[in-house]
Amino acid sequence: MFRIKQLGLLVIIGLAFSACSEYQKVLNKGTTEEQYKMATQLFDEGKYNKSINLFEKVIPKYGSKPQMERIQYMVGEANFNTKNYDLAAYYFERFIGNYPESSKIEDATFLAAQSYYMNSPKSSRDQTNTHKALTALQNFIDKFPESDKVEVANKYYDELATRLEKKSFDIAKQYYITEKYQAAIMAFDIFIEDNFGTVFKEDALAYKFLSAYELGMKSTITKKQARLENAIAAYDRLKKNFPESEKLKDFDSKLEELNKELKETKEIYAKYIDNGL
């Protein structure tokens, strides 16, 4: 029994070695037709890296031949399946441009967008690929509104849009953390205006209030009254938009401080006026 198992293992190893040798032979010395045939066979078997190597050999030789439509699509899909998303997007975009009437155009358009989506980084990094993904996803949704992939495309789009919002929010928040309160207030105003309905609106209004509070409380006497009033207005805006916000409880004491400081500031101003200063 042991000998039979050994023989079986040797047969398997021999077949694998033979297949590998045949692949290397076709890759390095095979005709264009042999390389194309083996590339499609390996693609169908899910051996994508090997199929890509062979397709790259035949692409320059097929040029505008009919087979090139199939080749470009398979190379795009092979790169997608091996997580080479940059190359996948490149080949799918070429396919879309070269074969707009292809029966595969819907799938290629979706996979191009999905490639950009898969390559989109977390919000703390450069978002160039995120912008590309959003454009590609919107293009797919507009071109194929009845596609069964539209629901997924919309899900991807919303996720990436939120990621961009998070990046903008984090930039504004960084101004607050580094005590650049005026810049923070402006950044949060722009963020809220540019991202209507954002999930970060409550936090943005809260940090705007905190920034305005710090700016008002630390201002010189000549600028204090206006800035204190702006801080109180920022609190009121947060309360109006989110009357049930848990943050309001934390900010109540700060609101009291602002009102007290504003009252004292007005009294100081009144004394200056009464004294003709």
Protein backbone atom coordinates (compact mmCIF):
# COMPACT_ATOMS: atom_id res chain seq x y z
CA MET A 1 0.00 0.00 0.00
CA PHE A 2 2.79 2.40 0.91
CA ARG A 3 4.54 1.67 -2.39
CA ILE A 4 1.33 2.36 -4.32
CA LYS A 5 1.00 5.76 -2.58
CA GLN A 6 4.61 6.55 -3.41
CA LEU A 7 4.06 5.69 -7.06
CA GLY A 8 0.93 7.84 -7.15
CA LEU A 9 2.84 10.79 -5.69
CA LEU A 10 5.63 10.35 -8.22
CA VAL A 11 3.08 10.35 -11.05
CA ILE A 12 1.52 13.59 -9.77
CA ILE A 13 4.93 15.24 -9.43
CA GLY A 14 5.86 14.06 -12.91
CA LEU A 15 2.69 15.45 -14.44
CA ALA A 16 3.18 18.79 -12.66
CA PHE A 17 6.79 18.98 -13.85
CA SER A 18 5.72 18.10 -17.36
CA ALA A 19 3.03 20.79 -17.32
CA CYS A 20 5.52 23.35 -15.99
CA SER A 21 8.06 22.39 -18.66
CA GLU A 22 5.40 22.68 -21.37
CA TYR A 23 4.40 26.12 -20.05
CA GLN A 24 8.00 27.35 -20.09
CA LYS A 25 8.52 25.92 -23.56
CA VAL A 26 5.45 27.69 -24.98
CA LEU A 27 6.22 30.89 -23.08
CA ASN A 28 9.77 31.16 -24.36
CA LYS A 29 9.72 29.43 -27.75
CA GLY A 30 6.11 28.81 -28.69
CA THR A 31 4.38 30.29 -31.71
CA THR A 32 1.92 33.14 -31.24
CA GLU A 33 -0.96 30.71 -31.79
CA GLU A 34 0.41 28.27 -29.21
CA GLN A 35 0.89 31.06 -26.67
CA TYR A 36 -2.63 32.36 -27.25
CA LYS A 37 -4.16 28.89 -26.94
CA MET A 38 -2.30 28.12 -23.71
CA ALA A 39 -3.05 31.59 -22.28
CA THR A 40 -6.80 31.10 -22.73
CA GLN A 41 -6.58 27.56 -21.32
CA LEU A 42 -4.70 28.73 -18.22
CA PHE A 43 -7.14 31.62 -17.81
CA ASP A 44 -10.09 29.21 -17.85
CA GLU A 45 -8.30 27.08 -15.24
CA GLY A 46 -7.85 30.11 -12.97
CA LYS A 47 -4.07 30.20 -13.38
CA TYR A 48 -4.13 33.93 -13.95
CA ASN A 49 -0.49 34.90 -13.43
CA LYS A 50 0.72 32.40 -16.01
CA SER A 51 -2.01 33.39 -18.44
CA ILE A 52 -1.03 37.07 -18.06
CA ASN A 53 2.59 36.25 -18.91
CA LEU A 54 1.48 34.54 -22.10
CA PHE A 55 -1.05 37.21 -23.05
CA GLU A 56 1.65 39.86 -22.73
CA LYS A 57 3.64 37.90 -25.30
CA VAL A 58 0.83 37.80 -27.86
CA ILE A 59 -0.70 41.28 -27.41
CA PRO A 60 1.87 43.07 -29.63
CA LYS A 61 1.40 40.45 -32.36
CA TYR A 62 -2.39 40.45 -32.50
CA GLY A 63 -2.77 44.20 -32.92
CA SER A 64 -6.22 44.89 -34.43
CA LYS A 65 -7.11 41.23 -35.02
CA PRO A 66 -10.53 40.01 -33.80
CA GLN A 67 -8.95 38.04 -30.96
CA MET A 68 -7.69 41.26 -29.35
CA GLU A 69 -11.17 42.05 -27.97
CA ARG A 70 -11.18 38.81 -26.02
CA ILE A 71 -7.53 39.18 -25.01
CA GLN A 72 -7.94 42.67 -23.56
CA TYR A 73 -10.95 41.61 -21.53
CA MET A 74 -9.29 38.46 -20.19
CA VAL A 75 -6.10 40.33 -19.28
CA GLY A 76 -8.17 42.88 -17.40
CA GLU A 77 -10.07 40.15 -15.56
CA ALA A 78 -6.90 38.17 -14.84
CA ASN A 79 -5.26 41.22 -13.29
CA PHE A 80 -8.41 41.93 -11.29
CA ASN A 81 -8.48 38.37 -9.95
CA THR A 82 -4.81 38.63 -8.93
CA LYS A 83 -5.49 42.00 -7.23
CA ASN A 84 -3.40 44.00 -9.70
CA TYR A 85 -6.08 46.65 -9.71
CA ASP A 86 -4.09 49.40 -11.44
CA LEU A 87 -3.45 47.14 -14.43
CA ALA A 88 -6.99 45.78 -14.34
CA ALA A 89 -8.41 49.31 -14.57
CA TYR A 90 -5.97 50.13 -17.37
CA TYR A 91 -6.98 47.15 -19.51
CA PHE A 92 -10.70 47.56 -18.86
CA GLU A 93 -10.50 51.24 -19.79
CA ARG A 94 -8.71 50.30 -23.01
CA PHE A 95 -11.35 47.66 -23.69
CA ILE A 96 -14.16 50.20 -23.15
CA GLY A 97 -12.50 52.66 -25.51
CA ASN A 98 -11.70 50.09 -28.20
CA TYR A 99 -14.88 48.00 -28.11
CA PRO A 100 -17.84 50.20 -27.09
CA GLU A 101 -20.31 47.87 -28.85
CA SER A 102 -18.98 44.68 -27.24
CA SER A 103 -21.38 42.35 -25.44
CA LYS A 104 -18.95 42.60 -22.52
CA ILE A 105 -19.07 46.40 -22.28
CA GLU A 106 -21.35 46.48 -19.21
CA ASP A 107 -19.16 44.03 -17.28
CA ALA A 108 -15.99 45.85 -18.35
CA THR A 109 -17.38 49.23 -17.27
CA PHE A 110 -18.34 47.85 -13.87
CA LEU A 111 -15.04 46.03 -13.37
CA ALA A 112 -13.07 49.16 -14.30
CA ALA A 113 -14.99 51.08 -11.61
CA GLN A 114 -14.58 48.23 -9.14
CA SER A 115 -10.83 48.15 -9.82
CA TYR A 116 -10.56 51.83 -8.86
CA TYR A 117 -12.76 51.14 -5.83
CA MET A 118 -10.57 48.26 -4.67
CA ASN A 119 -7.48 50.46 -5.07
CA SER A 120 -8.94 53.37 -3.11
CA PRO A 121 -6.95 53.98 0.10
CA LYS A 122 -8.16 54.84 3.58
CA SER A 123 -9.17 58.45 4.19
CA SER A 124 -5.84 59.54 5.68
CA ARG A 125 -3.98 58.97 2.38
CA ASP A 126 -4.04 60.61 -1.05
CA GLN A 127 -7.49 60.16 -2.58
CA THR A 128 -6.69 60.35 -6.31
CA ASN A 129 -7.91 56.79 -6.89
CA THR A 130 -11.03 57.50 -4.84
CA HIS A 131 -11.93 60.36 -7.19
CA LYS A 132 -11.28 58.10 -10.18
CA ALA A 133 -13.48 55.42 -8.64
CA LEU A 134 -16.33 57.86 -8.00
CA THR A 135 -16.19 59.09 -11.59
CA ALA A 136 -16.09 55.53 -12.95
CA LEU A 137 -18.93 54.36 -10.70
CA GLN A 138 -21.11 57.32 -11.65
CA ASN A 139 -20.35 56.63 -15.30
CA PHE A 140 -21.47 53.02 -14.87
CA ILE A 141 -24.67 54.02 -13.07
CA ASP A 142 -25.50 56.58 -15.77
CA LYS A 143 -24.78 54.21 -18.68
CA PHE A 144 -26.44 51.10 -17.25
CA PRO A 145 -29.24 52.27 -14.92
CA GLU A 146 -31.12 48.96 -15.33
CA SER A 147 -28.10 46.77 -14.54
CA ASP A 148 -28.35 44.34 -11.65
CA LYS A 149 -24.97 45.73 -10.54
CA VAL A 150 -26.30 49.26 -9.94
CA GLU A 151 -27.16 48.50 -6.31
CA VAL A 152 -23.57 47.44 -5.61
CA ALA A 153 -22.24 50.42 -7.57
CA ASN A 154 -24.35 52.79 -5.46
CA LYS A 155 -23.11 51.11 -2.29
CA TYR A 156 -19.49 51.56 -3.41
CA TYR A 157 -20.19 55.17 -4.38
CA ASP A 158 -21.71 56.04 -1.00
CA GLU A 159 -18.82 54.39 0.83
CA LEU A 160 -16.22 56.34 -1.14
CA ALA A 161 -18.12 59.62 -0.86
CA THR A 162 -18.17 59.14 2.91
CA ARG A 163 -14.43 58.45 2.81
CA LEU A 164 -13.81 61.79 1.08
CA GLU A 165 -16.07 63.52 3.59
CA LYS A 166 -14.06 61.93 6.39
CA LYS A 167 -10.83 63.27 4.91
CA SER A 168 -12.27 66.82 4.67
CA PHE A 169 -13.63 66.55 8.20
CA ASP A 170 -10.28 65.35 9.54
CA ILE A 171 -8.50 68.30 7.90
CA ALA A 172 -10.86 70.76 9.58
CA LYS A 173 -10.53 68.91 12.89
CA GLN A 174 -6.75 69.12 12.65
CA TYR A 175 -7.00 72.92 12.69
CA TYR A 176 -8.88 72.64 15.98
CA ILE A 177 -6.36 70.20 17.45
CA THR A 178 -3.46 72.50 16.53
CA GLU A 179 -5.35 75.48 18.06
CA LYS A 180 -5.83 77.30 14.76
CA TYR A 181 -9.35 78.17 15.74
CA GLN A 182 -10.20 80.72 13.05
CA ALA A 183 -9.05 78.34 10.33
CA ALA A 184 -11.03 75.54 11.98
CA ILE A 185 -14.24 77.59 12.00
CA MET A 186 -13.84 78.45 8.33
CA ALA A 187 -12.98 74.85 7.42
CA PHE A 188 -16.02 73.44 9.22
CA ASP A 189 -18.29 76.03 7.57
CA ILE A 190 -16.97 75.03 4.14
CA PHE A 191 -17.25 71.34 5.00
CA ILE A 192 -20.90 71.64 6.04
CA GLU A 193 -21.76 73.74 2.99
CA ASP A 194 -20.04 71.34 0.57
CA ASN A 195 -21.36 68.13 2.15
CA PHE A 196 -25.07 68.58 2.64
CA GLY A 197 -26.51 65.63 4.53
CA THR A 198 -23.11 64.34 5.63
CA VAL A 199 -23.00 61.83 8.48
CA PHE A 200 -20.33 64.04 10.06
CA LYS A 201 -22.56 67.12 10.34
CA GLU A 202 -23.19 66.78 14.08
CA ASP A 203 -19.49 66.39 14.82
CA ALA A 204 -18.63 69.25 12.47
CA LEU A 205 -21.06 71.60 14.23
CA ALA A 206 -19.75 70.45 17.61
CA TYR A 207 -16.13 71.13 16.69
CA LYS A 208 -17.09 74.45 15.16
CA PHE A 209 -18.65 75.41 18.50
CA LEU A 210 -15.56 74.26 20.42
CA SER A 211 -13.33 76.26 18.06
CA ALA A 212 -15.52 79.35 18.41
CA TYR A 213 -15.60 78.91 22.20
CA GLU A 214 -11.80 78.78 22.44
CA LEU A 215 -11.39 81.70 20.05
CA GLY A 216 -13.91 83.83 21.93
CA MET A 217 -12.61 83.09 25.41
CA LYS A 218 -8.99 83.76 24.42
CA SER A 219 -9.59 86.89 22.32
CA THR A 220 -8.41 90.39 23.10
CA ILE A 221 -10.99 92.79 24.50
CA THR A 222 -11.49 94.57 21.15
CA LYS A 223 -12.55 91.34 19.38
CA LYS A 224 -14.07 89.45 22.27
CA GLN A 225 -17.72 90.50 22.13
CA ALA A 226 -18.25 89.57 18.46
CA ARG A 227 -16.42 86.27 18.89
CA LEU A 228 -18.32 85.33 22.03
CA GLU A 229 -21.59 86.03 20.24
CA ASN A 230 -20.43 83.88 17.32
CA ALA A 231 -19.65 81.04 19.71
CA ILE A 232 -23.11 81.27 21.28
CA ALA A 233 -24.62 81.26 17.78
CA ALA A 234 -22.59 78.12 16.96
CA TYR A 235 -24.06 76.42 20.03
CA ASP A 236 -27.58 77.44 18.99
CA ARG A 237 -27.03 76.05 15.49
CA LEU A 238 -25.89 72.71 16.90
CA LYS A 239 -28.94 72.60 19.19
CA LYS A 240 -31.31 73.53 16.37
CA ASN A 241 -29.98 70.82 14.07
CA PHE A 242 -29.47 68.14 16.73
CA PRO A 243 -31.73 68.92 19.70
CA GLU A 244 -31.20 65.41 21.14
CA SER A 245 -27.42 65.45 20.80
CA GLU A 246 -25.53 64.09 23.78
CA LYS A 247 -22.86 66.71 23.10
CA LEU A 248 -25.18 69.49 24.29
CA LYS A 249 -24.97 68.22 27.86
CA ASP A 250 -21.17 68.49 27.72
CA PHE A 251 -21.38 71.99 26.23
CA ASP A 252 -23.88 73.49 28.68
CA SER A 253 -21.16 74.56 31.10
CA LYS A 254 -19.23 76.17 28.24
CA LEU A 255 -22.37 78.04 27.19
CA GLU A 256 -22.68 79.40 30.74
CA GLU A 257 -19.07 80.55 30.61
CA LEU A 258 -19.69 82.27 27.28
CA ASN A 259 -22.77 84.09 28.54
CA LYS A 260 -20.98 85.18 31.70
CA GLU A 261 -17.92 86.34 29.73
CA LEU A 262 -20.15 88.18 27.25
CA LYS A 263 -21.97 90.00 30.05
CA GLU A 264 -18.68 91.09 31.64
CA THR A 265 -17.29 92.14 28.27
CA LYS A 266 -20.33 94.30 27.55
CA GLU A 267 -19.97 95.93 30.98
CA ILE A 268 -16.34 96.75 30.23
CA TYR A 269 -17.33 98.24 26.87
CA ALA A 270 -20.02 100.32 28.59
CA LYS A 271 -17.48 101.74 31.03
CA TYR A 272 -15.17 102.70 28.18
CA ILE A 273 -18.04 104.50 26.45
CA ASP A 274 -19.14 106.24 29.62
CA ASN A 275 -15.58 107.43 30.20
CA GLY A 276 -15.34 108.66 26.62
CA LEU A 277 -12.64 106.15 25.68
